[in-house]
Every structure is written in structure tokens, then in C-alpha cells.
């Protein structure tokens, strides 16, 4: 009978403990209105990624062989969706229309997200963004193939610093890719 009060005490202690609050992080990219001179074009954006980047988990690694996932911290959207949506916003406007629905008269921008994570190495932390982009004409002709990579040094290992660093990395990546896409569309036969 002595075990019942001890059991009750343990249950009360467990009930008093609670899990840490889940924190949600988002990227902040400055809005830029860029005038683009291109032929009327529809671009279908298709974004692909490894499974862990198709979910809103914050990932970090200290080894090329292991990815760790934060238990109580998440992105406000899956990284693959964030990259796709920011590219869509950067390209839309003027004579370019973007969509995710396939159309026979549209160019296809296929984006393959490879890394969107904190990278810890040699006592330092970095925001690591890498994706491939391939633009093809409606006829299937390759107009552009490139890899965009950004490694942004973080002041510490907090996820707030990671959100700031990934915001910078994605802003720079979009600024690099947008003119390449526009030049490819202008040169399109």
C-alpha cells in the first residue's frame, strides 16, 4: 500500500512538467520591384527536395552523414515551399506570369533544393543554402542550368540567427538567379 502514495506523487510531478513551447521561425526577404523586359512568358515552377526539406522542420548538421532535426522549433513553411514561393514572387510581374499548374505553352523552372540548414563545423555555424535550377522552353529545350550556393556565417547557433542568415542567403540567391532566368528568356529562340 505504500507504493500508491509514491505513485501518486510521481504522477503529480510528471503532470507539473510540461514540454517546452514550440517556436516558429520565418524568413524575412525585402520586397523588390524590379522592372523586367522579357517576352510574354508563363513559367511553371516545380520544386523538389529531400523529404526532410518538404516538411517545416529546422535541420542542422555537424557531419555530411547526419542531419539533426529540432524537436521544438520549426519553420513557418517547409523550406522547399519557401524557396519556390520566393522565386515565384521574384519572377512574377511585367510580362512574366508564374504558376505551379502545368501548361503546354509554359517554360518549366525545375528547382531542386539540396540544403537548407545550419551547418556546424570547426566551432563555427553557417546558414547553408544550395539548390539546382533548370529552365526549359515549352518545347523541352534547356535554356539554363545552374547551381546556386550560399554559405552565410552565423554569430551563434540559435535558430533566430539561422532565420536571419537563411533570409540573407535566399535573398542573395534570388538576386543571382533572377537575371540569369531573364537573360535566358530574352535569348530564347
N, C-alpha and C. Protein backbone atom coordinates (compact mmCIF):
# COMPACT_ATOMS: atom_id res chain seq x y z
N UNK A 1 0.80 -1.20 0.00
CA UNK A 1 0.00 0.00 0.00
C UNK A 1 0.85 1.26 0.00
N UNK A 2 2.10 1.15 0.44
CA UNK A 2 2.97 2.33 0.46
C UNK A 2 3.29 2.81 -0.95
N UNK A 3 3.22 1.92 -1.92
CA UNK A 3 3.58 2.30 -3.28
C UNK A 3 2.53 3.20 -3.92
N UNK A 4 1.30 3.17 -3.46
CA UNK A 4 0.27 4.02 -4.05
C UNK A 4 0.56 5.50 -3.80
N UNK A 5 0.90 5.94 -2.59
CA UNK A 5 1.24 7.37 -2.42
C UNK A 5 2.48 7.77 -3.23
N UNK A 6 3.45 6.88 -3.34
CA UNK A 6 4.66 7.19 -4.13
C UNK A 6 4.29 7.31 -5.61
N UNK A 7 3.42 6.44 -6.06
CA UNK A 7 2.97 6.50 -7.45
C UNK A 7 2.20 7.79 -7.71
N UNK A 8 1.34 8.17 -6.76
CA UNK A 8 0.57 9.42 -6.91
C UNK A 8 1.51 10.62 -6.95
N UNK A 9 2.53 10.61 -6.11
CA UNK A 9 3.49 11.70 -6.09
C UNK A 9 4.23 11.79 -7.42
N UNK A 10 4.62 10.66 -7.98
CA UNK A 10 5.29 10.65 -9.28
C UNK A 10 4.38 11.18 -10.38
N UNK A 11 3.12 10.78 -10.35
CA UNK A 11 2.18 11.26 -11.36
C UNK A 11 1.96 12.77 -11.25
N UNK A 12 1.90 13.29 -10.04
CA UNK A 12 1.75 14.73 -9.85
C UNK A 12 2.98 15.48 -10.36
N UNK A 13 4.15 14.93 -10.12
CA UNK A 13 5.38 15.58 -10.60
C UNK A 13 5.43 15.57 -12.13
N UNK A 14 5.04 14.46 -12.74
CA UNK A 14 5.02 14.40 -14.20
C UNK A 14 4.01 15.37 -14.79
N UNK A 15 2.87 15.51 -14.15
CA UNK A 15 1.84 16.43 -14.64
C UNK A 15 2.32 17.88 -14.53
N UNK A 16 3.16 18.18 -13.55
CA UNK A 16 3.65 19.54 -13.37
C UNK A 16 4.68 19.90 -14.44
N UNK A 17 5.36 18.90 -14.96
CA UNK A 17 6.34 19.15 -16.01
C UNK A 17 5.61 19.30 -17.34
N UNK A 18 6.09 20.20 -18.14
CA UNK A 18 5.49 20.34 -19.47
C UNK A 18 6.60 20.47 -20.50
N UNK A 19 6.26 20.17 -21.72
CA UNK A 19 7.22 20.26 -22.80
C UNK A 19 7.50 21.73 -23.09
N UNK A 20 8.69 22.03 -23.57
CA UNK A 20 8.99 23.42 -23.94
C UNK A 20 8.04 23.90 -25.04
N UNK A 21 7.84 25.18 -25.08
CA UNK A 21 6.97 25.76 -26.11
C UNK A 21 7.61 25.57 -27.49
N UNK A 22 6.78 25.28 -28.47
CA UNK A 22 7.26 25.18 -29.85
C UNK A 22 7.45 26.59 -30.39
N UNK A 23 8.59 26.84 -31.00
CA UNK A 23 8.89 28.15 -31.58
C UNK A 23 8.84 28.02 -33.10
N UNK A 24 8.22 29.01 -33.72
CA UNK A 24 8.09 29.04 -35.17
C UNK A 24 8.95 30.18 -35.70
N UNK A 25 9.77 29.89 -36.71
CA UNK A 25 10.66 30.88 -37.31
C UNK A 25 10.28 31.10 -38.76
N UNK A 26 10.40 32.32 -39.21
CA UNK A 26 10.11 32.63 -40.61
C UNK A 26 11.26 33.44 -41.19
N UNK A 27 11.34 33.42 -42.50
CA UNK A 27 12.35 34.22 -43.18
C UNK A 27 11.76 35.59 -43.50
N UNK A 28 12.61 36.57 -43.59
CA UNK A 28 12.19 37.90 -43.98
C UNK A 28 13.05 38.32 -45.16
N UNK A 29 12.40 38.45 -46.31
CA UNK A 29 13.10 38.89 -47.51
C UNK A 29 12.54 40.23 -47.93
N UNK A 30 13.40 41.19 -48.22
CA UNK A 30 12.90 42.50 -48.64
C UNK A 30 12.16 42.38 -49.97
N UNK A 31 11.08 43.13 -50.08
CA UNK A 31 10.34 43.15 -51.34
C UNK A 31 11.04 44.07 -52.31
N UNK A 32 11.28 43.56 -53.49
CA UNK A 32 11.93 44.36 -54.53
C UNK A 32 11.06 44.34 -55.77
N UNK A 33 10.75 45.48 -56.25
CA UNK A 33 10.03 45.58 -57.52
C UNK A 33 11.06 45.87 -58.60
N UNK A 34 11.29 44.89 -59.43
CA UNK A 34 12.29 45.01 -60.48
C UNK A 34 11.58 45.03 -61.82
N UNK A 35 11.87 46.03 -62.62
CA UNK A 35 11.31 46.10 -63.97
C UNK A 35 12.08 45.13 -64.86
N UNK A 36 11.35 44.26 -65.52
CA UNK A 36 11.99 43.27 -66.37
C UNK A 36 11.45 43.43 -67.80
N UNK A 37 12.34 43.40 -68.74
CA UNK A 37 11.94 43.44 -70.14
C UNK A 37 12.14 42.05 -70.71
N UNK A 38 11.05 41.33 -70.84
CA UNK A 38 11.10 39.97 -71.38
C UNK A 38 9.91 39.77 -72.29
N UNK A 39 9.99 38.77 -73.15
CA UNK A 39 8.81 38.43 -73.94
C UNK A 39 7.73 37.87 -73.00
N UNK A 40 6.46 37.95 -73.43
CA UNK A 40 5.39 37.36 -72.62
C UNK A 40 5.72 35.90 -72.36
N UNK A 41 5.78 35.54 -71.11
CA UNK A 41 6.21 34.20 -70.74
C UNK A 41 5.41 33.70 -69.55
N UNK A 42 5.06 32.43 -69.60
CA UNK A 42 4.49 31.75 -68.44
C UNK A 42 5.56 30.78 -67.96
N UNK A 43 5.84 30.83 -66.66
CA UNK A 43 6.83 29.91 -66.08
C UNK A 43 6.13 29.05 -65.05
N UNK A 44 6.21 27.75 -65.23
CA UNK A 44 5.73 26.80 -64.24
C UNK A 44 6.91 26.49 -63.33
N UNK A 45 6.72 26.65 -62.03
CA UNK A 45 7.80 26.38 -61.09
C UNK A 45 7.52 25.04 -60.40
N UNK A 46 8.45 24.13 -60.56
CA UNK A 46 8.37 22.82 -59.92
C UNK A 46 9.52 22.73 -58.92
N UNK A 47 9.20 22.51 -57.66
CA UNK A 47 10.23 22.45 -56.62
C UNK A 47 10.29 21.04 -56.03
N UNK A 48 11.50 20.52 -55.96
CA UNK A 48 11.75 19.18 -55.41
C UNK A 48 12.76 19.29 -54.29
N UNK A 49 12.73 18.30 -53.39
CA UNK A 49 13.70 18.30 -52.29
C UNK A 49 13.73 16.93 -51.63
N UNK A 50 14.75 16.69 -50.80
CA UNK A 50 14.70 15.51 -49.94
C UNK A 50 13.50 15.64 -48.99
N UNK A 51 13.03 14.55 -48.50
CA UNK A 51 11.81 14.52 -47.68
C UNK A 51 11.88 15.45 -46.47
N UNK A 52 13.03 15.53 -45.81
CA UNK A 52 13.10 16.35 -44.60
C UNK A 52 12.99 17.85 -44.90
N UNK A 53 13.26 18.26 -46.15
CA UNK A 53 13.11 19.66 -46.52
C UNK A 53 11.72 19.97 -47.09
N UNK A 54 10.88 18.94 -47.20
CA UNK A 54 9.50 19.12 -47.64
C UNK A 54 8.56 19.23 -46.43
N UNK A 55 9.14 19.31 -45.26
CA UNK A 55 8.39 19.48 -44.01
C UNK A 55 8.98 20.68 -43.28
N UNK A 56 8.25 21.27 -42.34
CA UNK A 56 8.73 22.53 -41.73
C UNK A 56 9.79 22.36 -40.64
N UNK A 57 10.48 21.24 -40.62
CA UNK A 57 11.48 21.02 -39.58
C UNK A 57 12.72 21.88 -39.80
N UNK A 58 13.30 22.37 -38.73
CA UNK A 58 14.59 23.05 -38.81
C UNK A 58 15.66 21.98 -38.71
N UNK A 59 16.53 21.95 -39.71
CA UNK A 59 17.58 20.94 -39.77
C UNK A 59 18.94 21.57 -39.50
N UNK A 60 19.80 20.79 -38.89
CA UNK A 60 21.18 21.23 -38.67
C UNK A 60 22.07 20.01 -38.71
N UNK A 61 23.31 20.26 -39.11
CA UNK A 61 24.24 19.13 -39.22
C UNK A 61 25.64 19.56 -38.81
N UNK A 62 26.38 18.59 -38.29
CA UNK A 62 27.79 18.80 -37.98
C UNK A 62 28.63 17.77 -38.74
N UNK A 63 27.97 17.00 -39.58
CA UNK A 63 28.63 15.96 -40.35
C UNK A 63 27.90 15.81 -41.69
N UNK A 64 28.61 15.48 -42.74
CA UNK A 64 27.93 15.25 -44.00
C UNK A 64 27.04 14.00 -43.97
N UNK A 65 27.17 13.19 -42.92
CA UNK A 65 26.47 11.92 -42.86
C UNK A 65 25.24 11.92 -41.97
N UNK A 66 25.00 13.03 -41.24
CA UNK A 66 23.89 13.04 -40.29
C UNK A 66 23.22 14.40 -40.26
N UNK A 67 21.89 14.37 -40.34
CA UNK A 67 21.08 15.58 -40.21
C UNK A 67 20.28 15.44 -38.92
N UNK A 68 20.34 16.48 -38.08
CA UNK A 68 19.53 16.51 -36.87
C UNK A 68 18.36 17.44 -37.10
N UNK A 69 17.24 17.12 -36.48
CA UNK A 69 16.02 17.90 -36.61
C UNK A 69 15.66 18.48 -35.24
N UNK A 70 15.34 19.77 -35.21
CA UNK A 70 14.95 20.43 -33.96
C UNK A 70 13.61 19.87 -33.49
N UNK A 71 13.51 19.61 -32.20
CA UNK A 71 12.29 19.00 -31.68
C UNK A 71 11.20 20.02 -31.42
N UNK A 72 11.54 21.21 -30.93
CA UNK A 72 10.53 22.19 -30.54
C UNK A 72 10.64 23.50 -31.32
N UNK A 73 11.31 23.47 -32.45
CA UNK A 73 11.44 24.66 -33.29
C UNK A 73 11.18 24.25 -34.73
N UNK A 74 10.42 25.09 -35.44
CA UNK A 74 10.07 24.79 -36.83
C UNK A 74 10.09 26.06 -37.67
N UNK A 75 10.13 25.86 -38.99
CA UNK A 75 9.93 26.95 -39.92
C UNK A 75 8.43 27.17 -40.06
N UNK A 76 8.03 28.35 -40.50
CA UNK A 76 6.60 28.59 -40.70
C UNK A 76 6.07 27.90 -41.96
N UNK A 77 6.96 27.43 -42.82
CA UNK A 77 6.60 26.65 -44.01
C UNK A 77 7.76 25.73 -44.33
N UNK A 78 7.49 24.70 -45.07
CA UNK A 78 8.56 23.78 -45.47
C UNK A 78 9.59 24.55 -46.31
N UNK A 79 10.88 24.30 -46.12
CA UNK A 79 11.91 25.00 -46.88
C UNK A 79 11.70 24.94 -48.39
N UNK A 80 11.29 23.80 -48.93
CA UNK A 80 11.08 23.71 -50.38
C UNK A 80 9.97 24.66 -50.83
N UNK A 81 8.94 24.82 -50.01
CA UNK A 81 7.85 25.75 -50.35
C UNK A 81 8.33 27.20 -50.24
N UNK A 82 9.15 27.48 -49.24
CA UNK A 82 9.68 28.83 -49.06
C UNK A 82 10.53 29.25 -50.25
N UNK A 83 11.40 28.37 -50.71
CA UNK A 83 12.25 28.68 -51.87
C UNK A 83 11.38 28.88 -53.10
N UNK A 84 10.45 27.97 -53.35
CA UNK A 84 9.57 28.07 -54.52
C UNK A 84 8.77 29.38 -54.50
N UNK A 85 8.17 29.69 -53.36
CA UNK A 85 7.33 30.89 -53.25
C UNK A 85 8.14 32.17 -53.44
N UNK A 86 9.36 32.20 -52.92
CA UNK A 86 10.19 33.39 -53.08
C UNK A 86 10.66 33.56 -54.52
N UNK A 87 10.95 32.47 -55.19
CA UNK A 87 11.30 32.56 -56.62
C UNK A 87 10.09 33.02 -57.43
N UNK A 88 8.92 32.49 -57.11
CA UNK A 88 7.69 32.90 -57.80
C UNK A 88 7.47 34.40 -57.63
N UNK A 89 7.59 34.90 -56.41
CA UNK A 89 7.39 36.33 -56.15
C UNK A 89 8.43 37.18 -56.87
N UNK A 90 9.67 36.69 -56.94
CA UNK A 90 10.75 37.45 -57.57
C UNK A 90 10.59 37.52 -59.10
N UNK A 91 9.98 36.50 -59.67
CA UNK A 91 9.86 36.45 -61.13
C UNK A 91 8.54 37.03 -61.64
N UNK A 92 7.52 36.98 -60.83
CA UNK A 92 6.19 37.44 -61.27
C UNK A 92 6.19 38.94 -61.50
N UNK A 93 5.46 39.34 -62.49
CA UNK A 93 5.32 40.76 -62.77
C UNK A 93 5.72 41.06 -64.20
N UNK A 94 5.24 42.17 -64.67
CA UNK A 94 5.54 42.56 -66.04
C UNK A 94 4.99 41.54 -67.01
N UNK A 95 5.83 41.03 -67.88
CA UNK A 95 5.37 40.09 -68.90
C UNK A 95 5.58 38.63 -68.49
N UNK A 96 6.03 38.39 -67.25
CA UNK A 96 6.21 37.01 -66.77
C UNK A 96 5.08 36.68 -65.80
N UNK A 97 4.44 35.55 -66.05
CA UNK A 97 3.45 35.03 -65.12
C UNK A 97 3.98 33.70 -64.60
N UNK A 98 3.82 33.47 -63.30
CA UNK A 98 4.29 32.22 -62.72
C UNK A 98 3.10 31.42 -62.22
N UNK A 99 3.27 30.11 -62.22
CA UNK A 99 2.21 29.22 -61.79
C UNK A 99 2.84 27.90 -61.34
N UNK A 100 2.05 27.08 -60.69
CA UNK A 100 2.50 25.72 -60.35
C UNK A 100 1.72 24.69 -61.16
N UNK A 101 0.75 25.17 -61.98
CA UNK A 101 -0.04 24.27 -62.82
C UNK A 101 0.62 24.15 -64.19
N UNK A 102 0.77 22.94 -64.66
CA UNK A 102 1.45 22.71 -65.94
C UNK A 102 0.59 23.20 -67.10
N UNK A 103 1.29 23.74 -68.07
CA UNK A 103 0.64 24.27 -69.26
C UNK A 103 1.56 24.00 -70.44
N UNK A 104 0.99 23.66 -71.58
CA UNK A 104 1.79 23.30 -72.75
C UNK A 104 2.60 24.44 -73.33
N UNK A 105 2.20 25.69 -73.07
CA UNK A 105 2.92 26.82 -73.64
C UNK A 105 3.82 27.52 -72.62
N UNK A 106 4.13 26.83 -71.54
CA UNK A 106 4.91 27.44 -70.47
C UNK A 106 6.33 26.88 -70.42
N UNK A 107 7.23 27.73 -69.99
CA UNK A 107 8.58 27.27 -69.65
C UNK A 107 8.50 26.58 -68.30
N UNK A 108 9.41 25.68 -68.05
CA UNK A 108 9.45 24.96 -66.78
C UNK A 108 10.71 25.34 -66.03
N UNK A 109 10.55 25.85 -64.83
CA UNK A 109 11.67 26.11 -63.94
C UNK A 109 11.64 25.02 -62.87
N UNK A 110 12.58 24.10 -62.98
CA UNK A 110 12.67 23.00 -62.02
C UNK A 110 13.76 23.35 -61.01
N UNK A 111 13.36 23.44 -59.75
CA UNK A 111 14.27 23.79 -58.66
C UNK A 111 14.41 22.57 -57.76
N UNK A 112 15.64 22.14 -57.55
CA UNK A 112 15.91 21.00 -56.67
C UNK A 112 16.69 21.51 -55.47
N UNK A 113 16.00 21.62 -54.34
CA UNK A 113 16.62 22.10 -53.11
C UNK A 113 17.45 20.97 -52.50
N UNK A 114 18.72 21.26 -52.26
CA UNK A 114 19.63 20.24 -51.73
C UNK A 114 19.96 20.47 -50.26
N UNK A 115 20.16 21.73 -49.87
CA UNK A 115 20.47 22.05 -48.47
C UNK A 115 19.75 23.34 -48.08
N UNK A 116 19.18 23.31 -46.89
CA UNK A 116 18.54 24.47 -46.28
C UNK A 116 18.63 24.21 -44.79
N UNK A 117 19.81 24.52 -44.21
CA UNK A 117 20.07 24.06 -42.85
C UNK A 117 21.21 24.85 -42.22
N UNK A 118 21.35 24.64 -40.91
CA UNK A 118 22.52 25.17 -40.22
C UNK A 118 23.62 24.13 -40.33
N UNK A 119 24.81 24.61 -40.64
CA UNK A 119 25.97 23.74 -40.77
C UNK A 119 26.97 24.15 -39.70
N UNK A 120 27.29 23.23 -38.81
CA UNK A 120 28.25 23.48 -37.74
C UNK A 120 29.55 22.76 -38.09
N UNK A 121 30.64 23.54 -38.17
CA UNK A 121 31.93 22.91 -38.44
C UNK A 121 33.05 23.79 -37.89
N UNK A 122 34.06 23.14 -37.36
CA UNK A 122 35.24 23.82 -36.80
C UNK A 122 34.86 24.92 -35.80
N UNK A 123 33.85 24.66 -34.99
CA UNK A 123 33.45 25.62 -33.95
C UNK A 123 32.64 26.81 -34.46
N UNK A 124 32.31 26.84 -35.74
CA UNK A 124 31.52 27.93 -36.32
C UNK A 124 30.23 27.38 -36.89
N UNK A 125 29.24 28.27 -37.02
CA UNK A 125 27.95 27.88 -37.60
C UNK A 125 27.66 28.73 -38.82
N UNK A 126 27.00 28.10 -39.80
CA UNK A 126 26.68 28.76 -41.06
C UNK A 126 25.25 28.41 -41.46
N UNK A 127 24.61 29.32 -42.16
CA UNK A 127 23.37 29.01 -42.85
C UNK A 127 23.77 28.49 -44.22
N UNK A 128 23.31 27.31 -44.58
CA UNK A 128 23.74 26.65 -45.81
C UNK A 128 22.54 26.47 -46.73
N UNK A 129 22.58 27.12 -47.89
CA UNK A 129 21.52 27.02 -48.89
C UNK A 129 22.15 26.60 -50.21
N UNK A 130 21.67 25.49 -50.76
CA UNK A 130 22.13 25.02 -52.07
C UNK A 130 20.92 24.48 -52.83
N UNK A 131 20.76 24.96 -54.09
CA UNK A 131 19.74 24.37 -54.95
C UNK A 131 20.18 24.45 -56.40
N UNK A 132 19.69 23.49 -57.18
CA UNK A 132 19.90 23.48 -58.63
C UNK A 132 18.67 24.11 -59.27
N UNK A 133 18.88 24.84 -60.37
CA UNK A 133 17.77 25.41 -61.13
C UNK A 133 17.98 25.07 -62.60
N UNK A 134 16.90 24.60 -63.21
CA UNK A 134 16.95 24.24 -64.62
C UNK A 134 15.71 24.83 -65.30
N UNK A 135 15.93 25.65 -66.31
CA UNK A 135 14.85 26.29 -67.05
C UNK A 135 14.79 25.67 -68.44
N UNK A 136 13.62 25.18 -68.82
CA UNK A 136 13.45 24.61 -70.15
C UNK A 136 12.31 25.32 -70.87
N UNK A 137 12.41 25.36 -72.18
CA UNK A 137 11.39 26.00 -73.02
C UNK A 137 10.16 25.10 -73.09
N UNK A 138 9.05 25.62 -73.62
CA UNK A 138 7.86 24.77 -73.80
C UNK A 138 8.14 23.55 -74.68
N UNK A 139 9.12 23.67 -75.55
CA UNK A 139 9.48 22.55 -76.42
C UNK A 139 10.43 21.57 -75.74
N UNK A 140 10.87 21.87 -74.54
CA UNK A 140 11.78 20.98 -73.80
C UNK A 140 13.24 21.30 -73.98
N UNK A 141 13.55 22.42 -74.66
CA UNK A 141 14.95 22.80 -74.86
C UNK A 141 15.49 23.45 -73.58
N UNK A 142 16.69 23.02 -73.18
CA UNK A 142 17.31 23.59 -71.98
C UNK A 142 17.76 25.03 -72.25
N UNK A 143 17.26 25.96 -71.43
CA UNK A 143 17.62 27.37 -71.56
C UNK A 143 18.65 27.78 -70.51
N UNK A 144 18.62 27.11 -69.35
CA UNK A 144 19.52 27.47 -68.25
C UNK A 144 19.65 26.28 -67.32
N UNK A 145 20.87 26.06 -66.87
CA UNK A 145 21.13 25.06 -65.82
C UNK A 145 22.22 25.64 -64.94
N UNK A 146 21.91 25.77 -63.64
CA UNK A 146 22.88 26.37 -62.73
C UNK A 146 22.67 25.82 -61.32
N UNK A 147 23.69 25.97 -60.51
CA UNK A 147 23.61 25.65 -59.09
C UNK A 147 23.85 26.94 -58.32
N UNK A 148 22.98 27.22 -57.38
CA UNK A 148 23.09 28.39 -56.52
C UNK A 148 23.48 27.90 -55.13
N UNK A 149 24.55 28.46 -54.58
CA UNK A 149 25.02 28.05 -53.26
C UNK A 149 25.36 29.28 -52.44
N UNK A 150 24.88 29.31 -51.22
CA UNK A 150 25.19 30.39 -50.28
C UNK A 150 25.52 29.79 -48.93
N UNK A 151 26.62 30.27 -48.36
CA UNK A 151 27.05 29.86 -47.02
C UNK A 151 27.23 31.15 -46.23
N UNK A 152 26.34 31.40 -45.27
CA UNK A 152 26.34 32.64 -44.50
C UNK A 152 26.78 32.35 -43.08
N UNK A 153 27.84 33.02 -42.64
CA UNK A 153 28.34 32.84 -41.27
C UNK A 153 27.31 33.36 -40.26
N UNK A 154 27.04 32.55 -39.23
CA UNK A 154 26.09 32.93 -38.19
C UNK A 154 26.85 33.36 -36.94
N UNK A 155 26.34 34.34 -36.20
CA UNK A 155 27.04 34.78 -34.99
C UNK A 155 26.97 33.76 -33.85
N UNK A 156 25.97 32.87 -33.90
CA UNK A 156 25.82 31.85 -32.85
C UNK A 156 24.99 30.70 -33.41
N UNK A 157 24.66 29.75 -32.56
CA UNK A 157 23.93 28.56 -33.02
C UNK A 157 22.43 28.65 -32.76
N UNK A 158 21.90 29.82 -32.47
CA UNK A 158 20.47 29.93 -32.22
C UNK A 158 19.69 29.84 -33.53
N UNK A 159 18.45 29.43 -33.41
CA UNK A 159 17.61 29.34 -34.60
C UNK A 159 17.18 30.73 -35.08
N UNK A 160 17.17 31.72 -34.19
CA UNK A 160 16.90 33.09 -34.62
C UNK A 160 18.02 33.56 -35.56
N UNK A 161 19.26 33.29 -35.20
CA UNK A 161 20.39 33.63 -36.08
C UNK A 161 20.30 32.86 -37.39
N UNK A 162 19.86 31.61 -37.32
CA UNK A 162 19.70 30.82 -38.53
C UNK A 162 18.64 31.43 -39.44
N UNK A 163 17.52 31.88 -38.87
CA UNK A 163 16.47 32.50 -39.68
C UNK A 163 16.99 33.77 -40.35
N UNK A 164 17.76 34.56 -39.63
CA UNK A 164 18.34 35.77 -40.22
C UNK A 164 19.34 35.41 -41.32
N UNK A 165 20.18 34.42 -41.07
CA UNK A 165 21.18 34.00 -42.06
C UNK A 165 20.54 33.39 -43.30
N UNK A 166 19.51 32.58 -43.12
CA UNK A 166 18.84 31.98 -44.28
C UNK A 166 18.06 33.03 -45.06
N UNK A 167 17.54 34.05 -44.38
CA UNK A 167 16.89 35.17 -45.09
C UNK A 167 17.90 35.85 -46.01
N UNK A 168 19.09 36.10 -45.49
CA UNK A 168 20.15 36.72 -46.29
C UNK A 168 20.55 35.81 -47.45
N UNK A 169 20.73 34.53 -47.16
CA UNK A 169 21.16 33.58 -48.19
C UNK A 169 20.13 33.48 -49.31
N UNK A 170 18.85 33.39 -48.97
CA UNK A 170 17.83 33.27 -50.00
C UNK A 170 17.68 34.57 -50.79
N UNK A 171 17.80 35.70 -50.12
CA UNK A 171 17.75 36.99 -50.82
C UNK A 171 18.86 37.07 -51.86
N UNK A 172 20.08 36.73 -51.46
CA UNK A 172 21.21 36.75 -52.39
C UNK A 172 21.03 35.74 -53.53
N UNK A 173 20.51 34.57 -53.20
CA UNK A 173 20.32 33.53 -54.22
C UNK A 173 19.31 33.98 -55.27
N UNK A 174 18.22 34.59 -54.84
CA UNK A 174 17.20 35.06 -55.77
C UNK A 174 17.76 36.19 -56.63
N UNK A 175 18.55 37.09 -56.02
CA UNK A 175 19.16 38.19 -56.79
C UNK A 175 20.14 37.65 -57.84
N UNK A 176 20.77 36.53 -57.56
CA UNK A 176 21.69 35.93 -58.54
C UNK A 176 20.93 35.21 -59.64
N UNK A 177 19.87 34.49 -59.29
CA UNK A 177 19.18 33.65 -60.27
C UNK A 177 18.25 34.45 -61.19
N UNK A 178 17.56 35.45 -60.65
CA UNK A 178 16.58 36.19 -61.45
C UNK A 178 17.16 36.74 -62.76
N UNK A 179 18.29 37.46 -62.75
CA UNK A 179 18.81 37.97 -64.03
C UNK A 179 19.24 36.86 -64.99
N UNK A 180 19.69 35.74 -64.47
CA UNK A 180 20.05 34.61 -65.33
C UNK A 180 18.82 34.07 -66.06
N UNK A 181 17.71 33.98 -65.34
CA UNK A 181 16.47 33.49 -65.94
C UNK A 181 15.98 34.48 -67.00
N UNK A 182 16.01 35.75 -66.66
CA UNK A 182 15.54 36.78 -67.59
C UNK A 182 16.41 36.78 -68.86
N UNK A 183 17.72 36.70 -68.70
CA UNK A 183 18.61 36.66 -69.86
C UNK A 183 18.32 35.41 -70.72
N UNK A 184 18.04 34.30 -70.09
CA UNK A 184 17.72 33.07 -70.83
C UNK A 184 16.42 33.22 -71.60
N UNK A 185 15.44 33.89 -71.02
CA UNK A 185 14.16 34.08 -71.70
C UNK A 185 14.29 35.05 -72.87
N UNK A 186 15.10 36.08 -72.72
CA UNK A 186 15.30 37.05 -73.79
C UNK A 186 16.00 36.38 -74.97
N UNK A 187 16.95 35.48 -74.70
CA UNK A 187 17.70 34.81 -75.76
C UNK A 187 16.96 33.61 -76.32
N UNK A 188 15.82 33.25 -75.70
CA UNK A 188 15.06 32.07 -76.14
C UNK A 188 14.67 32.22 -77.61
N UNK A 189 14.89 31.15 -78.42
CA UNK A 189 14.57 31.23 -79.85
C UNK A 189 13.06 31.31 -80.08
